Amino acid sequence: MEAPVAGIDVSKDKLIVYFQGKLYEFTNDRQGFEEIRKILPSGCKVGIESTGVYHVNLAKYLNNEYDVRIINPFILKKFKGFRGKKSDKNDAKKLAEIVVSMGSGFVTSDARELTSQWDFVIRSIARVKNRLRRDLVLLGYRDSLSKKNLEEVLRGGGDSVVLSEVRFLLEELERLEGRKREIEKELEDFVPKDSLIFTIPGIGKTLGCIILARVGDVRRFSDKKRFVAYCGLDPVVESSGKSVVSRGISKRGDAVLRRAFYLAALTAIKVNLIIKRFYEEHKGRLRGKKLIVACARKLAVITWAVLYYNKPFDASE
């Protein structure tokens, strides 16, 4: 017997719930969450639109008792006829319809929250390192963050304001690196270790876990273009008369997923024969980040094909 389905439209202050032909309105707080539990049976499939941070506490509260599906707003726009007449009540109903239509495509778990934390930590690490390089230059050293260089800076002694910041940043960097390792370890428990994504050279254990956690069921993307768009790696092209100009990528999709593919591409251009060949063929026309982004897009297409057709990576295809 199929589990019942509900849709919840989330805003900052209220929750609109559609369940079995009826609409309910509750406050977006603990009391409202408890009211929802009173009307939804255990095991119910619940579709919730991702709305910044306003859906997070609700999803966490319901996750243990219900089959919660987080639905990306970008995907919703692609769902035929979803927007129609815009209203909170109509949206709640459509969310329930999407859960029925898309099946397991939007299953969520703590893994997705871990990927958001991981993304925040790696961006924080990058900012700390950039600040450290700046401080080293101010102290008269090269901006290299090598162990030897940093030890020399610290041995220099003194009580300068900049040197104090260097010490603080090094402690902060150690904490962030520690948290990054913890998150990566936790993520390994949430994804299947035998996933075919790990047959793709360039996608290692950590980035493979990140991608799997963000994508969910890849079968919800009926073609590679939809998947690339979801990753925000689809090119933006403008045409005027006879000229066609590329304006970079859309960046409308999942930012964490986009960064994961970008980082994976940096390795793939060295170890993945297809990406390496693609890199060599395009480096005369593209340079720097644009070339890496193009490689990331190619890697996303390969990932979609491997997961969608359930076939290991084959460089000869």
C-alpha atoms as a PDB file:
ATOM      1  CA  MET A   1       0.000   0.000   0.000  1.00  0.00           C
ATOM      2  CA  GLU A   2       1.356   3.396  -1.052  1.00  0.00           C
ATOM      3  CA  ALA A   3       2.138   5.839   1.765  1.00  0.00           C
ATOM      4  CA  PRO A   4      -0.059   8.968   1.909  1.00  0.00           C
ATOM      5  CA  VAL A   5       1.432  12.200   0.551  1.00  0.00           C
ATOM      6  CA  ALA A   6       1.406  15.789   1.836  1.00  0.00           C
ATOM      7  CA  GLY A   7       2.821  19.086   0.568  1.00  0.00           C
ATOM      8  CA  ILE A   8       3.994  21.950   2.786  1.00  0.00           C
ATOM      9  CA  ASP A   9       4.585  25.469   1.496  1.00  0.00           C
ATOM     10  CA  VAL A  10       7.051  27.225   3.808  1.00  0.00           C
ATOM     11  CA  SER A  11       7.503  30.929   4.459  1.00  0.00           C
ATOM     12  CA  LYS A  12       9.243  32.801   7.255  1.00  0.00           C
ATOM     13  CA  ASP A  13       6.192  32.901   9.561  1.00  0.00           C
ATOM     14  CA  LYS A  14       3.702  30.295   8.340  1.00  0.00           C
ATOM     15  CA  LEU A  15       3.268  26.791   6.965  1.00  0.00           C
ATOM     16  CA  ILE A  16       0.521  25.842   4.507  1.00  0.00           C
ATOM     17  CA  VAL A  17      -0.132  22.077   4.538  1.00  0.00           C
ATOM     18  CA  TYR A  18      -2.027  20.185   1.831  1.00  0.00           C
ATOM     19  CA  PHE A  19      -3.124  16.687   2.827  1.00  0.00           C
ATOM     20  CA  GLN A  20      -5.839  14.474   1.360  1.00  0.00           C
ATOM     21  CA  GLY A  21      -7.748  17.308  -0.292  1.00  0.00           C
ATOM     22  CA  LYS A  22      -7.632  19.650   2.710  1.00  0.00           C
ATOM     23  CA  LEU A  23      -5.544  22.724   3.477  1.00  0.00           C
ATOM     24  CA  TYR A  24      -4.216  23.684   6.907  1.00  0.00           C
ATOM     25  CA  GLU A  25      -2.302  26.744   8.097  1.00  0.00           C
ATOM     26  CA  PHE A  26       0.159  26.703  11.021  1.00  0.00           C
ATOM     27  CA  THR A  27       2.892  28.926  12.419  1.00  0.00           C
ATOM     28  CA  ASN A  28       6.465  28.178  11.378  1.00  0.00           C
ATOM     29  CA  ASP A  29       7.678  27.238  14.853  1.00  0.00           C
ATOM     30  CA  ARG A  30       7.742  24.287  17.258  1.00  0.00           C
ATOM     31  CA  GLN A  31       4.028  24.614  18.020  1.00  0.00           C
ATOM     32  CA  GLY A  32       3.196  24.534  14.315  1.00  0.00           C
ATOM     33  CA  PHE A  33       5.419  21.468  13.808  1.00  0.00           C
ATOM     34  CA  GLU A  34       3.544  19.647  16.576  1.00  0.00           C
ATOM     35  CA  GLU A  35       0.196  20.529  14.985  1.00  0.00           C
ATOM     36  CA  ILE A  36       1.381  19.038  11.705  1.00  0.00           C
ATOM     37  CA  ARG A  37       2.225  15.776  13.467  1.00  0.00           C
ATOM     38  CA  LYS A  38      -1.349  15.555  14.678  1.00  0.00           C
ATOM     39  CA  ILE A  39      -2.781  15.464  11.143  1.00  0.00           C
ATOM     40  CA  LEU A  40      -0.096  13.506   9.238  1.00  0.00           C
ATOM     41  CA  PRO A  41       0.180   9.744   9.820  1.00  0.00           C
ATOM     42  CA  SER A  42       3.594   8.237  10.520  1.00  0.00           C
ATOM     43  CA  GLY A  43       5.462   7.283   7.336  1.00  0.00           C
ATOM     44  CA  CYS A  44       3.688   9.902   5.236  1.00  0.00           C
ATOM     45  CA  LYS A  45       5.664  11.297   2.269  1.00  0.00           C
ATOM     46  CA  VAL A  46       6.098  15.046   2.758  1.00  0.00           C
ATOM     47  CA  GLY A  47       7.184  17.449   0.018  1.00  0.00           C
ATOM     48  CA  ILE A  48       8.774  20.701   1.242  1.00  0.00           C
ATOM     49  CA  GLU A  49      10.105  23.443  -1.011  1.00  0.00           C
ATOM     50  CA  SER A  50      13.643  24.532  -0.179  1.00  0.00           C
ATOM     51  CA  THR A  51      13.269  28.158   0.989  1.00  0.00           C
ATOM     52  CA  GLY A  52      16.587  29.477   2.240  1.00  0.00           C
ATOM     53  CA  VAL A  53      16.814  28.429   5.891  1.00  0.00           C
ATOM     54  CA  TYR A  54      13.105  28.605   6.746  1.00  0.00           C
ATOM     55  CA  HIS A  55      12.398  24.960   5.878  1.00  0.00           C
ATOM     56  CA  VAL A  56      15.407  23.459   7.705  1.00  0.00           C
ATOM     57  CA  ASN A  57      14.006  23.194  11.253  1.00  0.00           C
ATOM     58  CA  LEU A  58      10.723  21.784   9.971  1.00  0.00           C
ATOM     59  CA  ALA A  59      12.532  19.155   7.871  1.00  0.00           C
ATOM     60  CA  LYS A  60      14.704  18.119  10.821  1.00  0.00           C
ATOM     61  CA  TYR A  61      11.673  17.858  13.102  1.00  0.00           C
ATOM     62  CA  LEU A  62       9.709  15.669  10.670  1.00  0.00           C
ATOM     63  CA  ASN A  63      12.600  13.617   9.312  1.00  0.00           C
ATOM     64  CA  ASN A  64      12.573  10.826  11.916  1.00  0.00           C
ATOM     65  CA  GLU A  65       8.874  10.032  11.555  1.00  0.00           C
ATOM     66  CA  TYR A  66       8.157  10.955   7.930  1.00  0.00           C
ATOM     67  CA  ASP A  67       9.611  10.395   4.469  1.00  0.00           C
ATOM     68  CA  VAL A  68      10.661  14.010   3.878  1.00  0.00           C
ATOM     69  CA  ARG A  69      11.511  15.239   0.372  1.00  0.00           C
ATOM     70  CA  ILE A  70      13.234  18.622  -0.055  1.00  0.00           C
ATOM     71  CA  ILE A  71      12.330  20.073  -3.459  1.00  0.00           C
ATOM     72  CA  ASN A  72      14.639  22.597  -5.115  1.00  0.00           C
ATOM     73  CA  PRO A  73      12.775  25.719  -6.387  1.00  0.00           C
ATOM     74  CA  PHE A  74      14.745  25.553  -9.646  1.00  0.00           C
ATOM     75  CA  ILE A  75      13.396  22.063 -10.284  1.00  0.00           C
ATOM     76  CA  LEU A  76       9.894  23.237  -9.423  1.00  0.00           C
ATOM     77  CA  LYS A  77      10.010  25.774 -12.238  1.00  0.00           C
ATOM     78  CA  LYS A  78      10.749  22.941 -14.650  1.00  0.00           C
ATOM     79  CA  PHE A  79       7.756  20.950 -13.427  1.00  0.00           C
ATOM     80  CA  LYS A  80       5.052  21.393 -16.071  1.00  0.00           C
ATOM     81  CA  GLY A  81       2.278  23.682 -14.976  1.00  0.00           C
ATOM     82  CA  PHE A  82       3.601  24.049 -11.430  1.00  0.00           C
ATOM     83  CA  ARG A  83       3.487  27.783 -11.120  1.00  0.00           C
ATOM     84  CA  GLY A  84       0.129  28.387 -12.814  1.00  0.00           C
ATOM     85  CA  LYS A  85      -1.745  30.649 -10.487  1.00  0.00           C
ATOM     86  CA  LYS A  86       0.723  31.618  -7.784  1.00  0.00           C
ATOM     87  CA  SER A  87      -0.495  31.168  -4.204  1.00  0.00           C
ATOM     88  CA  ASP A  88       0.740  29.502  -1.027  1.00  0.00           C
ATOM     89  CA  LYS A  89      -2.240  27.132  -1.012  1.00  0.00           C
ATOM     90  CA  ASN A  90      -1.798  26.178  -4.664  1.00  0.00           C
ATOM     91  CA  ASP A  91       1.929  25.623  -4.096  1.00  0.00           C
ATOM     92  CA  ALA A  92       1.299  23.271  -1.173  1.00  0.00           C
ATOM     93  CA  LYS A  93      -1.006  21.162  -3.341  1.00  0.00           C
ATOM     94  CA  LYS A  94       1.463  21.107  -6.231  1.00  0.00           C
ATOM     95  CA  LEU A  95       4.280  20.047  -3.892  1.00  0.00           C
ATOM     96  CA  ALA A  96       2.252  16.973  -2.971  1.00  0.00           C
ATOM     97  CA  GLU A  97       1.630  16.255  -6.660  1.00  0.00           C
ATOM     98  CA  ILE A  98       5.354  16.511  -7.407  1.00  0.00           C
ATOM     99  CA  VAL A  99       6.197  13.987  -4.697  1.00  0.00           C
ATOM    100  CA  VAL A 100       3.798  11.524  -6.336  1.00  0.00           C
ATOM    101  CA  SER A 101       5.135  12.289  -9.819  1.00  0.00           C
ATOM    102  CA  MET A 102       8.850  12.263  -9.034  1.00  0.00           C
ATOM    103  CA  GLY A 103       8.926   9.301  -6.668  1.00  0.00           C
ATOM    104  CA  SER A 104      12.149   9.048  -4.662  1.00  0.00           C
ATOM    105  CA  GLY A 105      13.853  11.952  -6.400  1.00  0.00           C
ATOM    106  CA  PHE A 106      13.843  14.282  -3.445  1.00  0.00           C
ATOM    107  CA  VAL A 107      14.717  12.129  -0.439  1.00  0.00           C
ATOM    108  CA  THR A 108      16.614  14.162   2.135  1.00  0.00           C
ATOM    109  CA  SER A 109      18.744  13.204   5.105  1.00  0.00           C
ATOM    110  CA  ASP A 110      21.360  14.557   7.464  1.00  0.00           C
ATOM    111  CA  ALA A 111      23.824  14.010   4.622  1.00  0.00           C
ATOM    112  CA  ARG A 112      22.555  17.109   2.825  1.00  0.00           C
ATOM    113  CA  GLU A 113      23.028  19.241   5.938  1.00  0.00           C
ATOM    114  CA  LEU A 114      26.562  17.857   6.312  1.00  0.00           C
ATOM    115  CA  THR A 115      27.370  18.880   2.739  1.00  0.00           C
ATOM    116  CA  SER A 116      26.256  22.444   3.503  1.00  0.00           C
ATOM    117  CA  GLN A 117      28.502  22.475   6.562  1.00  0.00           C
ATOM    118  CA  TRP A 118      31.382  21.066   4.524  1.00  0.00           C
ATOM    119  CA  ASP A 119      30.938  23.791   1.901  1.00  0.00           C
ATOM    120  CA  PHE A 120      30.905  26.496   4.589  1.00  0.00           C
ATOM    121  CA  VAL A 121      34.064  25.063   6.188  1.00  0.00           C
ATOM    122  CA  ILE A 122      36.075  24.821   2.956  1.00  0.00           C
ATOM    123  CA  ARG A 123      35.141  28.399   2.029  1.00  0.00           C
ATOM    124  CA  SER A 124      36.144  29.519   5.532  1.00  0.00           C
ATOM    125  CA  ILE A 125      39.474  27.701   5.167  1.00  0.00           C
ATOM    126  CA  ALA A 126      40.098  29.504   1.875  1.00  0.00           C
ATOM    127  CA  ARG A 127      39.382  32.899   3.483  1.00  0.00           C
ATOM    128  CA  VAL A 128      41.706  32.172   6.429  1.00  0.00           C
ATOM    129  CA  LYS A 129      44.508  31.091   4.081  1.00  0.00           C
ATOM    130  CA  ASN A 130      44.102  34.223   1.959  1.00  0.00           C
ATOM    131  CA  ARG A 131      44.324  36.375   5.087  1.00  0.00           C
ATOM    132  CA  LEU A 132      47.422  34.489   6.224  1.00  0.00           C
ATOM    133  CA  ARG A 133      49.130  35.098   2.895  1.00  0.00           C
ATOM    134  CA  ARG A 134      48.333  38.789   3.186  1.00  0.00           C
ATOM    135  CA  ASP A 135      49.816  38.905   6.716  1.00  0.00           C
ATOM    136  CA  LEU A 136      52.994  37.123   5.631  1.00  0.00           C
ATOM    137  CA  VAL A 137      53.586  39.765   2.970  1.00  0.00           C
ATOM    138  CA  LEU A 138      53.097  42.509   5.565  1.00  0.00           C
ATOM    139  CA  LEU A 139      55.718  40.817   7.758  1.00  0.00           C
ATOM    140  CA  GLY A 140      58.197  40.778   4.893  1.00  0.00           C
ATOM    141  CA  TYR A 141      57.921  37.106   3.985  1.00  0.00           C
ATOM    142  CA  ARG A 142      56.807  35.334   0.833  1.00  0.00           C
ATOM    143  CA  ASP A 143      53.097  34.553   0.756  1.00  0.00           C
ATOM    144  CA  SER A 144      53.769  30.799   0.713  1.00  0.00           C
ATOM    145  CA  LEU A 145      51.956  28.850   3.440  1.00  0.00           C
ATOM    146  CA  SER A 146      54.631  26.153   3.594  1.00  0.00           C
ATOM    147  CA  LYS A 147      55.364  24.671   7.021  1.00  0.00           C
ATOM    148  CA  LYS A 148      58.951  25.942   6.829  1.00  0.00           C
ATOM    149  CA  ASN A 149      57.867  29.487   6.017  1.00  0.00           C
ATOM    150  CA  LEU A 150      55.266  29.593   8.810  1.00  0.00           C
ATOM    151  CA  GLU A 151      57.700  28.201  11.396  1.00  0.00           C
ATOM    152  CA  GLU A 152      60.199  30.899  10.432  1.00  0.00           C
ATOM    153  CA  VAL A 153      57.558  33.596  10.871  1.00  0.00           C
ATOM    154  CA  LEU A 154      56.598  32.336  14.328  1.00  0.00           C
ATOM    155  CA  ARG A 155      60.232  32.065  15.438  1.00  0.00           C
ATOM    156  CA  GLY A 156      60.672  35.702  14.568  1.00  0.00           C
ATOM    157  CA  GLY A 157      58.930  36.627  17.805  1.00  0.00           C
ATOM    158  CA  GLY A 158      57.769  40.135  18.580  1.00  0.00           C
ATOM    159  CA  ASP A 159      54.370  41.412  19.631  1.00  0.00           C
ATOM    160  CA  SER A 160      53.244  43.058  16.452  1.00  0.00           C
ATOM    161  CA  VAL A 161      49.534  43.217  15.727  1.00  0.00           C
ATOM    162  CA  VAL A 162      50.000  41.320  12.466  1.00  0.00           C
ATOM    163  CA  LEU A 163      51.992  38.526  14.099  1.00  0.00           C
ATOM    164  CA  SER A 164      49.271  38.128  16.722  1.00  0.00           C
ATOM    165  CA  GLU A 165      46.744  37.692  13.943  1.00  0.00           C
ATOM    166  CA  VAL A 166      48.944  35.080  12.272  1.00  0.00           C
ATOM    167  CA  ARG A 167      48.937  33.024  15.486  1.00  0.00           C
ATOM    168  CA  PHE A 168      45.163  33.378  15.799  1.00  0.00           C
ATOM    169  CA  LEU A 169      44.576  32.410  12.159  1.00  0.00           C
ATOM    170  CA  LEU A 170      46.775  29.335  12.445  1.00  0.00           C
ATOM    171  CA  GLU A 171      44.749  28.147  15.429  1.00  0.00           C
ATOM    172  CA  GLU A 172      41.525  28.861  13.532  1.00  0.00           C
ATOM    173  CA  LEU A 173      42.845  26.995  10.492  1.00  0.00           C
ATOM    174  CA  GLU A 174      43.639  23.951  12.629  1.00  0.00           C
ATOM    175  CA  ARG A 175      40.083  23.931  14.044  1.00  0.00           C
ATOM    176  CA  LEU A 176      38.528  24.267  10.604  1.00  0.00           C
ATOM    177  CA  GLU A 177      40.685  21.509   9.127  1.00  0.00           C
ATOM    178  CA  GLY A 178      39.689  19.273  12.050  1.00  0.00           C
ATOM    179  CA  ARG A 179      35.989  19.933  11.490  1.00  0.00           C
ATOM    180  CA  LYS A 180      36.406  19.277   7.761  1.00  0.00           C
ATOM    181  CA  ARG A 181      37.872  15.838   8.501  1.00  0.00           C
ATOM    182  CA  GLU A 182      35.022  15.075  10.923  1.00  0.00           C
ATOM    183  CA  ILE A 183      32.363  15.990   8.346  1.00  0.00           C
ATOM    184  CA  GLU A 184      34.030  13.938   5.627  1.00  0.00           C
ATOM    185  CA  LYS A 185      34.178  10.937   7.962  1.00  0.00           C
ATOM    186  CA  GLU A 186      30.478  11.300   8.849  1.00  0.00           C
ATOM    187  CA  LEU A 187      29.479  11.623   5.187  1.00  0.00           C
ATOM    188  CA  GLU A 188      30.952   8.214   4.380  1.00  0.00           C
ATOM    189  CA  ASP A 189      28.224   6.595   6.491  1.00  0.00           C
ATOM    190  CA  PHE A 190      25.413   8.195   4.486  1.00  0.00           C
ATOM    191  CA  VAL A 191      26.215   7.111   0.928  1.00  0.00           C
ATOM    192  CA  PRO A 192      26.626   3.673  -0.677  1.00  0.00           C
ATOM    193  CA  LYS A 193      30.316   2.788  -0.784  1.00  0.00           C
ATOM    194  CA  ASP A 194      29.815   0.740  -3.952  1.00  0.00           C
ATOM    195  CA  SER A 195      28.283   3.604  -5.950  1.00  0.00           C
ATOM    196  CA  LEU A 196      29.472   3.693  -9.561  1.00  0.00           C
ATOM    197  CA  ILE A 197      30.387   7.353  -9.142  1.00  0.00           C
ATOM    198  CA  PHE A 198      33.630   6.152  -7.575  1.00  0.00           C
ATOM    199  CA  THR A 199      34.629   4.506 -10.876  1.00  0.00           C
ATOM    200  CA  ILE A 200      35.046   7.987 -12.395  1.00  0.00           C
ATOM    201  CA  PRO A 201      38.710   9.110 -12.201  1.00  0.00           C
ATOM    202  CA  GLY A 202      38.911  12.507 -10.525  1.00  0.00           C
ATOM    203  CA  ILE A 203      35.925  11.976  -8.245  1.00  0.00           C
ATOM    204  CA  GLY A 204      37.381  10.757  -4.972  1.00  0.00           C
ATOM    205  CA  LYS A 205      35.735   9.558  -1.799  1.00  0.00           C
ATOM    206  CA  THR A 206      34.864  12.955  -0.315  1.00  0.00           C
ATOM    207  CA  LEU A 207      33.645  14.709  -3.465  1.00  0.00           C
ATOM    208  CA  GLY A 208      31.778  11.563  -4.520  1.00  0.00           C
ATOM    209  CA  CYS A 209      29.906  11.614  -1.196  1.00  0.00           C
ATOM    210  CA  ILE A 210      29.154  15.338  -1.600  1.00  0.00           C
ATOM    211  CA  ILE A 211      27.773  14.864  -5.109  1.00  0.00           C
ATOM    212  CA  LEU A 212      25.653  11.819  -4.209  1.00  0.00           C
ATOM    213  CA  ALA A 213      24.202  13.561  -1.148  1.00  0.00           C
ATOM    214  CA  ARG A 214      23.269  16.666  -3.147  1.00  0.00           C
ATOM    215  CA  VAL A 215      21.893  14.860  -6.212  1.00  0.00           C
ATOM    216  CA  GLY A 216      19.782  12.136  -4.605  1.00  0.00           C
ATOM    217  CA  ASP A 217      18.116  10.000  -7.292  1.00  0.00           C
ATOM    218  CA  VAL A 218      19.684  11.010 -10.627  1.00  0.00           C
ATOM    219  CA  ARG A 219      16.810   9.347 -12.523  1.00  0.00           C
ATOM    220  CA  ARG A 220      14.696  12.418 -11.919  1.00  0.00           C
ATOM    221  CA  PHE A 221      16.847  14.149 -14.583  1.00  0.00           C
ATOM    222  CA  SER A 222      15.615  12.733 -17.874  1.00  0.00           C
ATOM    223  CA  ASP A 223      18.572  14.081 -19.840  1.00  0.00           C
ATOM    224  CA  LYS A 224      22.051  15.437 -19.254  1.00  0.00           C
ATOM    225  CA  LYS A 225      21.044  19.053 -19.946  1.00  0.00           C
ATOM    226  CA  ARG A 226      18.615  19.073 -17.032  1.00  0.00           C
ATOM    227  CA  PHE A 227      21.277  17.665 -14.734  1.00  0.00           C
ATOM    228  CA  VAL A 228      23.893  20.195 -15.850  1.00  0.00           C
ATOM    229  CA  ALA A 229      21.353  22.986 -15.306  1.00  0.00           C
ATOM    230  CA  TYR A 230      20.586  21.677 -11.811  1.00  0.00           C
ATOM    231  CA  CYS A 231      24.317  21.933 -11.066  1.00  0.00           C
ATOM    232  CA  GLY A 232      24.316  25.538 -12.330  1.00  0.00           C
ATOM    233  CA  LEU A 233      26.945  24.628 -14.917  1.00  0.00           C
ATOM    234  CA  ASP A 234      24.808  25.264 -17.999  1.00  0.00           C
ATOM    235  CA  PRO A 235      26.244  27.959 -20.303  1.00  0.00           C
ATOM    236  CA  VAL A 236      24.458  31.273 -20.795  1.00  0.00           C
ATOM    237  CA  VAL A 237      24.494  32.183 -24.482  1.00  0.00           C
ATOM    238  CA  GLU A 238      23.292  35.457 -25.974  1.00  0.00           C
ATOM    239  CA  SER A 239      22.677  35.929 -29.684  1.00  0.00           C
ATOM    240  CA  SER A 240      22.447  39.209 -31.549  1.00  0.00           C
ATOM    241  CA  GLY A 241      22.083  39.119 -35.303  1.00  0.00           C
ATOM    242  CA  LYS A 242      24.663  36.664 -36.597  1.00  0.00           C
ATOM    243  CA  SER A 243      26.864  36.732 -33.500  1.00  0.00           C
ATOM    244  CA  VAL A 244      26.570  34.307 -30.581  1.00  0.00           C
ATOM    245  CA  VAL A 245      28.337  35.252 -27.345  1.00  0.00           C
ATOM    246  CA  SER A 246      28.899  33.055 -24.302  1.00  0.00           C
ATOM    247  CA  ARG A 247      28.272  34.828 -20.992  1.00  0.00           C
ATOM    248  CA  GLY A 248      29.645  32.130 -18.714  1.00  0.00           C
ATOM    249  CA  ILE A 249      27.476  29.771 -16.655  1.00  0.00           C
ATOM    250  CA  SER A 250      24.022  30.362 -15.209  1.00  0.00           C
ATOM    251  CA  LYS A 251      24.884  29.645 -11.533  1.00  0.00           C
ATOM    252  CA  ARG A 252      21.140  29.092 -10.982  1.00  0.00           C
ATOM    253  CA  GLY A 253      21.495  25.574  -9.635  1.00  0.00           C
ATOM    254  CA  ASP A 254      23.003  23.956  -6.556  1.00  0.00           C
ATOM    255  CA  ALA A 255      26.064  25.994  -5.526  1.00  0.00           C
ATOM    256  CA  VAL A 256      27.532  23.223  -3.346  1.00  0.00           C
ATOM    257  CA  LEU A 257      27.221  20.738  -6.190  1.00  0.00           C
ATOM    258  CA  ARG A 258      28.800  23.195  -8.605  1.00  0.00           C
ATOM    259  CA  ARG A 259      31.812  23.703  -6.321  1.00  0.00           C
ATOM    260  CA  ALA A 260      32.185  19.947  -5.850  1.00  0.00           C
ATOM    261  CA  PHE A 261      32.384  19.371  -9.605  1.00  0.00           C
ATOM    262  CA  TYR A 262      34.816  22.276  -9.994  1.00  0.00           C
ATOM    263  CA  LEU A 263      37.142  20.805  -7.359  1.00  0.00           C
ATOM    264  CA  ALA A 264      36.813  17.347  -8.902  1.00  0.00           C
ATOM    265  CA  ALA A 265      37.676  18.782 -12.320  1.00  0.00           C
ATOM    266  CA  LEU A 266      41.002  20.092 -10.983  1.00  0.00           C
ATOM    267  CA  THR A 267      42.009  16.489 -10.328  1.00  0.00           C
ATOM    268  CA  ALA A 268      40.230  14.986 -13.333  1.00  0.00           C
ATOM    269  CA  ILE A 269      42.284  16.994 -15.853  1.00  0.00           C
ATOM    270  CA  LYS A 270      45.306  15.036 -14.588  1.00  0.00           C
ATOM    271  CA  VAL A 271      43.898  11.525 -14.131  1.00  0.00           C
ATOM    272  CA  ASN A 272      40.739  11.194 -16.259  1.00  0.00           C
ATOM    273  CA  LEU A 273      41.570  10.458 -19.915  1.00  0.00           C
ATOM    274  CA  ILE A 274      38.345  11.975 -21.244  1.00  0.00           C
ATOM    275  CA  ILE A 275      38.634  15.179 -19.192  1.00  0.00           C
ATOM    276  CA  LYS A 276      42.367  15.411 -19.890  1.00  0.00           C
ATOM    277  CA  ARG A 277      41.718  15.185 -23.647  1.00  0.00           C
ATOM    278  CA  PHE A 278      38.890  17.723 -23.375  1.00  0.00           C
ATOM    279  CA  TYR A 279      41.221  20.076 -21.470  1.00  0.00           C
ATOM    280  CA  GLU A 280      43.945  19.817 -24.118  1.00  0.00           C
ATOM    281  CA  GLU A 281      41.488  20.351 -26.976  1.00  0.00           C
ATOM    282  CA  HIS A 282      40.004  23.524 -25.459  1.00  0.00           C
ATOM    283  CA  LYS A 283      42.932  25.240 -23.735  1.00  0.00           C
ATOM    284  CA  GLY A 284      43.664  27.274 -26.871  1.00  0.00           C
ATOM    285  CA  ARG A 285      40.184  28.822 -26.800  1.00  0.00           C
ATOM    286  CA  LEU A 286      39.505  28.906 -23.050  1.00  0.00           C
ATOM    287  CA  ARG A 287      41.780  29.845 -20.167  1.00  0.00           C
ATOM    288  CA  GLY A 288      41.923  29.829 -16.392  1.00  0.00           C
ATOM    289  CA  LYS A 289      38.665  29.312 -14.506  1.00  0.00           C
ATOM    290  CA  LYS A 290      36.579  29.252 -17.691  1.00  0.00           C
ATOM    291  CA  LEU A 291      38.465  26.184 -18.880  1.00  0.00           C
ATOM    292  CA  ILE A 292      38.141  24.442 -15.497  1.00  0.00           C
ATOM    293  CA  VAL A 293      34.393  25.219 -15.435  1.00  0.00           C
ATOM    294  CA  ALA A 294      34.039  23.707 -18.908  1.00  0.00           C
ATOM    295  CA  CYS A 295      35.826  20.592 -17.633  1.00  0.00           C
ATOM    296  CA  ALA A 296      33.527  20.544 -14.586  1.00  0.00           C
ATOM    297  CA  ARG A 297      30.514  20.640 -16.918  1.00  0.00           C
ATOM    298  CA  LYS A 298      31.944  17.739 -18.950  1.00  0.00           C
ATOM    299  CA  LEU A 299      32.550  15.813 -15.706  1.00  0.00           C
ATOM    300  CA  ALA A 300      28.945  16.450 -14.630  1.00  0.00           C
ATOM    301  CA  VAL A 301      27.710  14.981 -17.923  1.00  0.00           C
ATOM    302  CA  ILE A 302      29.873  11.888 -17.399  1.00  0.00           C
ATOM    303  CA  THR A 303      28.560  11.543 -13.835  1.00  0.00           C
ATOM    304  CA  TRP A 304      24.952  11.774 -15.011  1.00  0.00           C
ATOM    305  CA  ALA A 305      25.542   9.075 -17.655  1.00  0.00           C
ATOM    306  CA  VAL A 306      27.292   6.692 -15.239  1.00  0.00           C
ATOM    307  CA  LEU A 307      24.563   7.009 -12.595  1.00  0.00           C
ATOM    308  CA  TYR A 308      21.576   7.247 -14.939  1.00  0.00           C
ATOM    309  CA  TYR A 309      22.496   4.194 -17.032  1.00  0.00           C
ATOM    310  CA  ASN A 310      24.029   2.393 -14.041  1.00  0.00           C
ATOM    311  CA  LYS A 311      27.243   1.570 -15.918  1.00  0.00           C
ATOM    312  CA  PRO A 312      30.841   1.956 -14.635  1.00  0.00           C
ATOM    313  CA  PHE A 313      32.972   4.661 -16.194  1.00  0.00           C
ATOM    314  CA  ASP A 314      34.588   3.610 -19.466  1.00  0.00           C
ATOM    315  CA  ALA A 315      37.091   5.993 -21.060  1.00  0.00           C
ATOM    316  CA  SER A 316      36.673   4.278 -24.431  1.00  0.00           C
ATOM    317  CA  GLU A 317      33.001   5.282 -24.768  1.00  0.00           C
END
